[in-house]
Amino acid sequence: MSEPVVAGKTPLEAQLEPGEYWWCACGRSKTQPFCDGSHAGTGIEPVAFKVEEKGSYWLCACKHTANPPFCDGAHDLLD
């Protein structure tokens, strides 16, 4: 399995409607923070998550969060 690519060192704010989404865990997607299938062959799978309420959500871009898909500040620990 390869390591995820850091897509960004700050979280991405997303205005989401209720529904199911796929968060990019590999960092290779061109549609960050959402999966576009770029993970194929990496051994890293996207993370499905459900939103129950319409609102603003902060999603991890560094791909090192311990609480995927949400930012936990792990980007502050990266070089």
PDB file of N, CA and C in Angstrom:
ATOM      1  N   MET A   1       0.845  -1.176   0.000  1.00  0.00           N
ATOM      2  CA  MET A   1       0.000   0.000   0.000  1.00  0.00           C
ATOM      3  C   MET A   1       0.888   1.236   0.000  1.00  0.00           C
ATOM      4  N   SER A   2       0.547   2.211  -0.819  1.00  0.00           N
ATOM      5  CA  SER A   2       1.323   3.443  -0.847  1.00  0.00           C
ATOM      6  C   SER A   2       0.850   4.406   0.234  1.00  0.00           C
ATOM      7  N   GLU A   3       1.675   5.404   0.459  1.00  0.00           N
ATOM      8  CA  GLU A   3       1.336   6.451   1.422  1.00  0.00           C
ATOM      9  C   GLU A   3       0.437   7.476   0.728  1.00  0.00           C
ATOM     10  N   PRO A   4      -0.456   8.104   1.486  1.00  0.00           N
ATOM     11  CA  PRO A   4      -1.280   9.142   0.862  1.00  0.00           C
ATOM     12  C   PRO A   4      -0.451  10.373   0.500  1.00  0.00           C
ATOM     13  N   VAL A   5      -0.887  11.055  -0.523  1.00  0.00           N
ATOM     14  CA  VAL A   5      -0.285  12.309  -0.953  1.00  0.00           C
ATOM     15  C   VAL A   5      -0.957  13.427  -0.163  1.00  0.00           C
ATOM     16  N   VAL A   6      -0.181  14.345   0.361  1.00  0.00           N
ATOM     17  CA  VAL A   6      -0.753  15.502   1.061  1.00  0.00           C
ATOM     18  C   VAL A   6      -1.329  16.434   0.000  1.00  0.00           C
ATOM     19  N   ALA A   7      -2.652  16.533  -0.028  1.00  0.00           N
ATOM     20  CA  ALA A   7      -3.321  17.380  -1.024  1.00  0.00           C
ATOM     21  C   ALA A   7      -3.334  18.842  -0.585  1.00  0.00           C
ATOM     22  N   GLY A   8      -3.171  19.072   0.706  1.00  0.00           N
ATOM     23  CA  GLY A   8      -3.149  20.431   1.229  1.00  0.00           C
ATOM     24  C   GLY A   8      -2.843  20.413   2.710  1.00  0.00           C
ATOM     25  N   LYS A   9      -2.339  21.520   3.230  1.00  0.00           N
ATOM     26  CA  LYS A   9      -1.985  21.581   4.650  1.00  0.00           C
ATOM     27  C   LYS A   9      -2.966  22.421   5.457  1.00  0.00           C
ATOM     28  N   THR A  10      -4.129  22.657   4.880  1.00  0.00           N
ATOM     29  CA  THR A  10      -5.229  23.286   5.605  1.00  0.00           C
ATOM     30  C   THR A  10      -6.497  22.522   5.255  1.00  0.00           C
ATOM     31  N   PRO A  11      -7.464  22.479   6.174  1.00  0.00           N
ATOM     32  CA  PRO A  11      -8.701  21.760   5.877  1.00  0.00           C
ATOM     33  C   PRO A  11      -9.500  22.468   4.786  1.00  0.00           C
ATOM     34  N   LEU A  12     -10.372  21.715   4.146  1.00  0.00           N
ATOM     35  CA  LEU A  12     -11.224  22.257   3.092  1.00  0.00           C
ATOM     36  C   LEU A  12     -12.643  22.363   3.612  1.00  0.00           C
ATOM     37  N   GLU A  13     -13.217  23.555   3.501  1.00  0.00           N
ATOM     38  CA  GLU A  13     -14.597  23.747   3.939  1.00  0.00           C
ATOM     39  C   GLU A  13     -15.538  23.313   2.817  1.00  0.00           C
ATOM     40  N   ALA A  14     -16.517  22.491   3.167  1.00  0.00           N
ATOM     41  CA  ALA A  14     -17.497  22.021   2.188  1.00  0.00           C
ATOM     42  C   ALA A  14     -18.902  22.280   2.715  1.00  0.00           C
ATOM     43  N   GLN A  15     -19.722  22.904   1.882  1.00  0.00           N
ATOM     44  CA  GLN A  15     -21.136  23.095   2.190  1.00  0.00           C
ATOM     45  C   GLN A  15     -21.853  21.861   1.658  1.00  0.00           C
ATOM     46  N   LEU A  16     -22.344  21.023   2.564  1.00  0.00           N
ATOM     47  CA  LEU A  16     -22.913  19.745   2.161  1.00  0.00           C
ATOM     48  C   LEU A  16     -24.396  19.640   2.497  1.00  0.00           C
ATOM     49  N   GLU A  17     -25.095  18.984   1.614  1.00  0.00           N
ATOM     50  CA  GLU A  17     -26.498  18.632   1.799  1.00  0.00           C
ATOM     51  C   GLU A  17     -26.548  17.240   2.411  1.00  0.00           C
ATOM     52  N   PRO A  18     -27.657  16.873   3.054  1.00  0.00           N
ATOM     53  CA  PRO A  18     -27.770  15.507   3.561  1.00  0.00           C
ATOM     54  C   PRO A  18     -27.561  14.497   2.430  1.00  0.00           C
ATOM     55  N   GLY A  19     -26.824  13.447   2.736  1.00  0.00           N
ATOM     56  CA  GLY A  19     -26.555  12.413   1.740  1.00  0.00           C
ATOM     57  C   GLY A  19     -25.264  11.687   2.038  1.00  0.00           C
ATOM     58  N   GLU A  20     -24.857  10.817   1.103  1.00  0.00           N
ATOM     59  CA  GLU A  20     -23.624  10.045   1.252  1.00  0.00           C
ATOM     60  C   GLU A  20     -22.562  10.613   0.323  1.00  0.00           C
ATOM     61  N   TYR A  21     -21.343  10.659   0.842  1.00  0.00           N
ATOM     62  CA  TYR A  21     -20.206  11.204   0.106  1.00  0.00           C
ATOM     63  C   TYR A  21     -19.025  10.246   0.230  1.00  0.00           C
ATOM     64  N   TRP A  22     -18.079  10.396  -0.696  1.00  0.00           N
ATOM     65  CA  TRP A  22     -16.843   9.603  -0.672  1.00  0.00           C
ATOM     66  C   TRP A  22     -15.662  10.559  -0.577  1.00  0.00           C
ATOM     67  N   TRP A  23     -14.966  10.500   0.567  1.00  0.00           N
ATOM     68  CA  TRP A  23     -13.804  11.348   0.829  1.00  0.00           C
ATOM     69  C   TRP A  23     -12.560  10.679   0.265  1.00  0.00           C
ATOM     70  N   CYS A  24     -11.748  11.449  -0.452  1.00  0.00           N
ATOM     71  CA  CYS A  24     -10.488  10.948  -1.002  1.00  0.00           C
ATOM     72  C   CYS A  24      -9.488  10.737   0.136  1.00  0.00           C
ATOM     73  N   ALA A  25      -9.035   9.516   0.315  1.00  0.00           N
ATOM     74  CA  ALA A  25      -8.047   9.200   1.348  1.00  0.00           C
ATOM     75  C   ALA A  25      -6.632   9.118   0.785  1.00  0.00           C
ATOM     76  N   CYS A  26      -6.504   9.024  -0.544  1.00  0.00           N
ATOM     77  CA  CYS A  26      -5.181   8.863  -1.146  1.00  0.00           C
ATOM     78  C   CYS A  26      -4.496  10.198  -1.448  1.00  0.00           C
ATOM     79  N   GLY A  27      -5.277  11.267  -1.581  1.00  0.00           N
ATOM     80  CA  GLY A  27      -4.718  12.575  -1.886  1.00  0.00           C
ATOM     81  C   GLY A  27      -4.484  12.836  -3.359  1.00  0.00           C
ATOM     82  N   ARG A  28      -4.829  11.895  -4.229  1.00  0.00           N
ATOM     83  CA  ARG A  28      -4.545  12.031  -5.657  1.00  0.00           C
ATOM     84  C   ARG A  28      -5.715  12.599  -6.467  1.00  0.00           C
ATOM     85  N   SER A  29      -6.887  12.664  -5.876  1.00  0.00           N
ATOM     86  CA  SER A  29      -8.080  13.114  -6.584  1.00  0.00           C
ATOM     87  C   SER A  29      -7.932  14.551  -7.074  1.00  0.00           C
ATOM     88  N   LYS A  30      -8.439  14.813  -8.256  1.00  0.00           N
ATOM     89  CA  LYS A  30      -8.460  16.176  -8.808  1.00  0.00           C
ATOM     90  C   LYS A  30      -9.692  16.932  -8.304  1.00  0.00           C
ATOM     91  N   THR A  31     -10.583  16.249  -7.573  1.00  0.00           N
ATOM     92  CA  THR A  31     -11.808  16.864  -7.058  1.00  0.00           C
ATOM     93  C   THR A  31     -11.791  16.877  -5.528  1.00  0.00           C
ATOM     94  N   GLN A  32     -10.643  17.248  -4.950  1.00  0.00           N
ATOM     95  CA  GLN A  32     -10.485  17.290  -3.487  1.00  0.00           C
ATOM     96  C   GLN A  32     -11.609  18.098  -2.851  1.00  0.00           C
ATOM     97  N   PRO A  33     -12.129  17.636  -1.736  1.00  0.00           N
ATOM     98  CA  PRO A  33     -11.698  16.508  -0.931  1.00  0.00           C
ATOM     99  C   PRO A  33     -12.416  15.202  -1.274  1.00  0.00           C
ATOM    100  N   PHE A  34     -13.081  15.181  -2.429  1.00  0.00           N
ATOM    101  CA  PHE A  34     -13.886  14.020  -2.791  1.00  0.00           C
ATOM    102  C   PHE A  34     -13.167  13.106  -3.780  1.00  0.00           C
ATOM    103  N   CYS A  35     -13.514  11.853  -3.755  1.00  0.00           N
ATOM    104  CA  CYS A  35     -12.886  10.825  -4.595  1.00  0.00           C
ATOM    105  C   CYS A  35     -13.290  10.987  -6.062  1.00  0.00           C
ATOM    106  N   ASP A  36     -12.327  10.802  -6.949  1.00  0.00           N
ATOM    107  CA  ASP A  36     -12.597  10.772  -8.388  1.00  0.00           C
ATOM    108  C   ASP A  36     -12.072   9.479  -9.022  1.00  0.00           C
ATOM    109  N   GLY A  37     -11.692   8.514  -8.171  1.00  0.00           N
ATOM    110  CA  GLY A  37     -11.203   7.228  -8.678  1.00  0.00           C
ATOM    111  C   GLY A  37      -9.704   7.159  -8.867  1.00  0.00           C
ATOM    112  N   SER A  38      -8.985   8.220  -8.560  1.00  0.00           N
ATOM    113  CA  SER A  38      -7.527   8.262  -8.761  1.00  0.00           C
ATOM    114  C   SER A  38      -6.768   7.303  -7.855  1.00  0.00           C
ATOM    115  N   HIS A  39      -7.435   6.718  -6.867  1.00  0.00           N
ATOM    116  CA  HIS A  39      -6.784   5.802  -5.935  1.00  0.00           C
ATOM    117  C   HIS A  39      -6.497   4.431  -6.553  1.00  0.00           C
ATOM    118  N   ALA A  40      -7.034   4.157  -7.714  1.00  0.00           N
ATOM    119  CA  ALA A  40      -6.882   2.841  -8.344  1.00  0.00           C
ATOM    120  C   ALA A  40      -5.416   2.422  -8.355  1.00  0.00           C
ATOM    121  N   GLY A  41      -5.137   1.249  -7.807  1.00  0.00           N
ATOM    122  CA  GLY A  41      -3.789   0.700  -7.784  1.00  0.00           C
ATOM    123  C   GLY A  41      -2.926   1.149  -6.615  1.00  0.00           C
ATOM    124  N   THR A  42      -3.445   2.038  -5.760  1.00  0.00           N
ATOM    125  CA  THR A  42      -2.644   2.538  -4.634  1.00  0.00           C
ATOM    126  C   THR A  42      -2.794   1.685  -3.376  1.00  0.00           C
ATOM    127  N   GLY A  43      -3.869   0.909  -3.306  1.00  0.00           N
ATOM    128  CA  GLY A  43      -4.151   0.159  -2.086  1.00  0.00           C
ATOM    129  C   GLY A  43      -4.842   1.016  -1.030  1.00  0.00           C
ATOM    130  N   ILE A  44      -5.143   2.259  -1.358  1.00  0.00           N
ATOM    131  CA  ILE A  44      -5.846   3.167  -0.448  1.00  0.00           C
ATOM    132  C   ILE A  44      -7.257   3.352  -0.980  1.00  0.00           C
ATOM    133  N   GLU A  45      -8.230   3.132  -0.137  1.00  0.00           N
ATOM    134  CA  GLU A  45      -9.627   3.231  -0.539  1.00  0.00           C
ATOM    135  C   GLU A  45     -10.253   4.518  -0.015  1.00  0.00           C
ATOM    136  N   PRO A  46     -11.216   5.083  -0.749  1.00  0.00           N
ATOM    137  CA  PRO A  46     -11.918   6.264  -0.253  1.00  0.00           C
ATOM    138  C   PRO A  46     -12.771   5.904   0.961  1.00  0.00           C
ATOM    139  N   VAL A  47     -13.146   6.922   1.719  1.00  0.00           N
ATOM    140  CA  VAL A  47     -13.938   6.723   2.930  1.00  0.00           C
ATOM    141  C   VAL A  47     -15.348   7.250   2.681  1.00  0.00           C
ATOM    142  N   ALA A  48     -16.333   6.370   2.842  1.00  0.00           N
ATOM    143  CA  ALA A  48     -17.732   6.784   2.714  1.00  0.00           C
ATOM    144  C   ALA A  48     -18.171   7.442   4.018  1.00  0.00           C
ATOM    145  N   PHE A  49     -18.927   8.528   3.891  1.00  0.00           N
ATOM    146  CA  PHE A  49     -19.498   9.149   5.079  1.00  0.00           C
ATOM    147  C   PHE A  49     -20.844   9.755   4.737  1.00  0.00           C
ATOM    148  N   LYS A  50     -21.694   9.820   5.767  1.00  0.00           N
ATOM    149  CA  LYS A  50     -23.044  10.357   5.602  1.00  0.00           C
ATOM    150  C   LYS A  50     -23.179  11.678   6.323  1.00  0.00           C
ATOM    151  N   VAL A  51     -23.872  12.576   5.699  1.00  0.00           N
ATOM    152  CA  VAL A  51     -24.210  13.862   6.298  1.00  0.00           C
ATOM    153  C   VAL A  51     -25.707  13.833   6.580  1.00  0.00           C
ATOM    154  N   GLU A  52     -26.058  14.086   7.823  1.00  0.00           N
ATOM    155  CA  GLU A  52     -27.460  14.064   8.227  1.00  0.00           C
ATOM    156  C   GLU A  52     -28.104  15.441   8.132  1.00  0.00           C
ATOM    157  N   GLU A  53     -27.300  16.498   8.326  1.00  0.00           N
ATOM    158  CA  GLU A  53     -27.827  17.858   8.318  1.00  0.00           C
ATOM    159  C   GLU A  53     -27.050  18.730   7.347  1.00  0.00           C
ATOM    160  N   LYS A  54     -27.782  19.565   6.606  1.00  0.00           N
ATOM    161  CA  LYS A  54     -27.151  20.531   5.711  1.00  0.00           C
ATOM    162  C   LYS A  54     -26.269  21.451   6.542  1.00  0.00           C
ATOM    163  N   GLY A  55     -25.050  21.700   6.059  1.00  0.00           N
ATOM    164  CA  GLY A  55     -24.177  22.587   6.810  1.00  0.00           C
ATOM    165  C   GLY A  55     -22.784  22.665   6.251  1.00  0.00           C
ATOM    166  N   SER A  56     -21.942  23.360   6.991  1.00  0.00           N
ATOM    167  CA  SER A  56     -20.543  23.554   6.649  1.00  0.00           C
ATOM    168  C   SER A  56     -19.716  22.519   7.399  1.00  0.00           C
ATOM    169  N   TYR A  57     -18.869  21.800   6.677  1.00  0.00           N
ATOM    170  CA  TYR A  57     -18.030  20.762   7.265  1.00  0.00           C
ATOM    171  C   TYR A  57     -16.585  21.004   6.850  1.00  0.00           C
ATOM    172  N   TRP A  58     -15.661  20.803   7.793  1.00  0.00           N
ATOM    173  CA  TRP A  58     -14.226  20.962   7.518  1.00  0.00           C
ATOM    174  C   TRP A  58     -13.623  19.580   7.285  1.00  0.00           C
ATOM    175  N   LEU A  59     -13.215  19.329   6.048  1.00  0.00           N
ATOM    176  CA  LEU A  59     -12.695  18.018   5.662  1.00  0.00           C
ATOM    177  C   LEU A  59     -11.178  18.066   5.525  1.00  0.00           C
ATOM    178  N   CYS A  60     -10.554  16.985   5.931  1.00  0.00           N
ATOM    179  CA  CYS A  60      -9.103  16.878   5.934  1.00  0.00           C
ATOM    180  C   CYS A  60      -8.552  16.881   4.508  1.00  0.00           C
ATOM    181  N   ALA A  61      -7.510  17.669   4.290  1.00  0.00           N
ATOM    182  CA  ALA A  61      -6.813  17.695   3.000  1.00  0.00           C
ATOM    183  C   ALA A  61      -5.428  17.072   3.103  1.00  0.00           C
ATOM    184  N   CYS A  62      -4.891  16.961   4.327  1.00  0.00           N
ATOM    185  CA  CYS A  62      -3.538  16.412   4.471  1.00  0.00           C
ATOM    186  C   CYS A  62      -3.530  14.878   4.451  1.00  0.00           C
ATOM    187  N   LYS A  63      -4.689  14.283   4.648  1.00  0.00           N
ATOM    188  CA  LYS A  63      -4.883  12.823   4.602  1.00  0.00           C
ATOM    189  C   LYS A  63      -4.241  12.097   5.782  1.00  0.00           C
ATOM    190  N   HIS A  64      -3.953  12.814   6.861  1.00  0.00           N
ATOM    191  CA  HIS A  64      -3.347  12.211   8.048  1.00  0.00           C
ATOM    192  C   HIS A  64      -4.243  12.285   9.280  1.00  0.00           C
ATOM    193  N   THR A  65      -5.485  12.723   9.119  1.00  0.00           N
ATOM    194  CA  THR A  65      -6.407  12.823  10.232  1.00  0.00           C
ATOM    195  C   THR A  65      -6.669  11.456  10.876  1.00  0.00           C
ATOM    196  N   ALA A  66      -6.876  11.457  12.167  1.00  0.00           N
ATOM    197  CA  ALA A  66      -7.265  10.226  12.873  1.00  0.00           C
ATOM    198  C   ALA A  66      -8.781  10.093  12.896  1.00  0.00           C
ATOM    199  N   ASN A  67      -9.482  11.076  12.314  1.00  0.00           N
ATOM    200  CA  ASN A  67     -10.938  11.089  12.320  1.00  0.00           C
ATOM    201  C   ASN A  67     -11.471  11.340  10.906  1.00  0.00           C
ATOM    202  N   PRO A  68     -11.105  10.470   9.932  1.00  0.00           N
ATOM    203  CA  PRO A  68     -11.516  10.717   8.554  1.00  0.00           C
ATOM    204  C   PRO A  68     -13.040  10.725   8.425  1.00  0.00           C
ATOM    205  N   PRO A  69     -13.569  11.629   7.643  1.00  0.00           N
ATOM    206  CA  PRO A  69     -12.935  12.552   6.712  1.00  0.00           C
ATOM    207  C   PRO A  69     -12.680  13.940   7.308  1.00  0.00           C
ATOM    208  N   PHE A  70     -12.937  14.076   8.598  1.00  0.00           N
ATOM    209  CA  PHE A  70     -12.911  15.399   9.220  1.00  0.00           C
ATOM    210  C   PHE A  70     -11.515  15.797   9.702  1.00  0.00           C
ATOM    211  N   CYS A  71     -11.216  17.069   9.605  1.00  0.00           N
ATOM    212  CA  CYS A  71      -9.930  17.596  10.047  1.00  0.00           C
ATOM    213  C   CYS A  71      -9.814  17.490  11.567  1.00  0.00           C
ATOM    214  N   ASP A  72      -8.662  17.035  12.029  1.00  0.00           N
ATOM    215  CA  ASP A  72      -8.379  16.985  13.473  1.00  0.00           C
ATOM    216  C   ASP A  72      -7.126  17.778  13.829  1.00  0.00           C
ATOM    217  N   GLY A  73      -6.631  18.565  12.873  1.00  0.00           N
ATOM    218  CA  GLY A  73      -5.437  19.372  13.116  1.00  0.00           C
ATOM    219  C   GLY A  73      -4.133  18.654  12.827  1.00  0.00           C
ATOM    220  N   ALA A  74      -4.183  17.441  12.301  1.00  0.00           N
ATOM    221  CA  ALA A  74      -2.960  16.675  12.006  1.00  0.00           C
ATOM    222  C   ALA A  74      -2.034  17.418  11.048  1.00  0.00           C
ATOM    223  N   HIS A  75      -2.577  18.305  10.210  1.00  0.00           N
ATOM    224  CA  HIS A  75      -1.743  19.056   9.259  1.00  0.00           C
ATOM    225  C   HIS A  75      -0.714  19.928   9.983  1.00  0.00           C
ATOM    226  N   ASP A  76      -1.000  20.302  11.240  1.00  0.00           N
ATOM    227  CA  ASP A  76      -0.042  21.107  12.011  1.00  0.00           C
ATOM    228  C   ASP A  76       1.203  20.321  12.403  1.00  0.00           C
ATOM    229  N   LEU A  77       1.136  18.987  12.314  1.00  0.00           N
ATOM    230  CA  LEU A  77       2.259  18.131  12.694  1.00  0.00           C
ATOM    231  C   LEU A  77       3.135  17.744  11.511  1.00  0.00           C
ATOM    232  N   LEU A  78       2.720  18.119  10.303  1.00  0.00           N
ATOM    233  CA  LEU A  78       3.483  17.751   9.103  1.00  0.00           C
ATOM    234  C   LEU A  78       4.642  18.704   8.883  1.00  0.00           C
ATOM    235  N   ASP A  79       5.696  18.192   8.241  1.00  0.00           N
ATOM    236  CA  ASP A  79       6.861  19.033   7.905  1.00  0.00           C
ATOM    237  C   ASP A  79       6.522  20.028   6.841  1.00  0.00           C
TER     238      ASP A  79
END
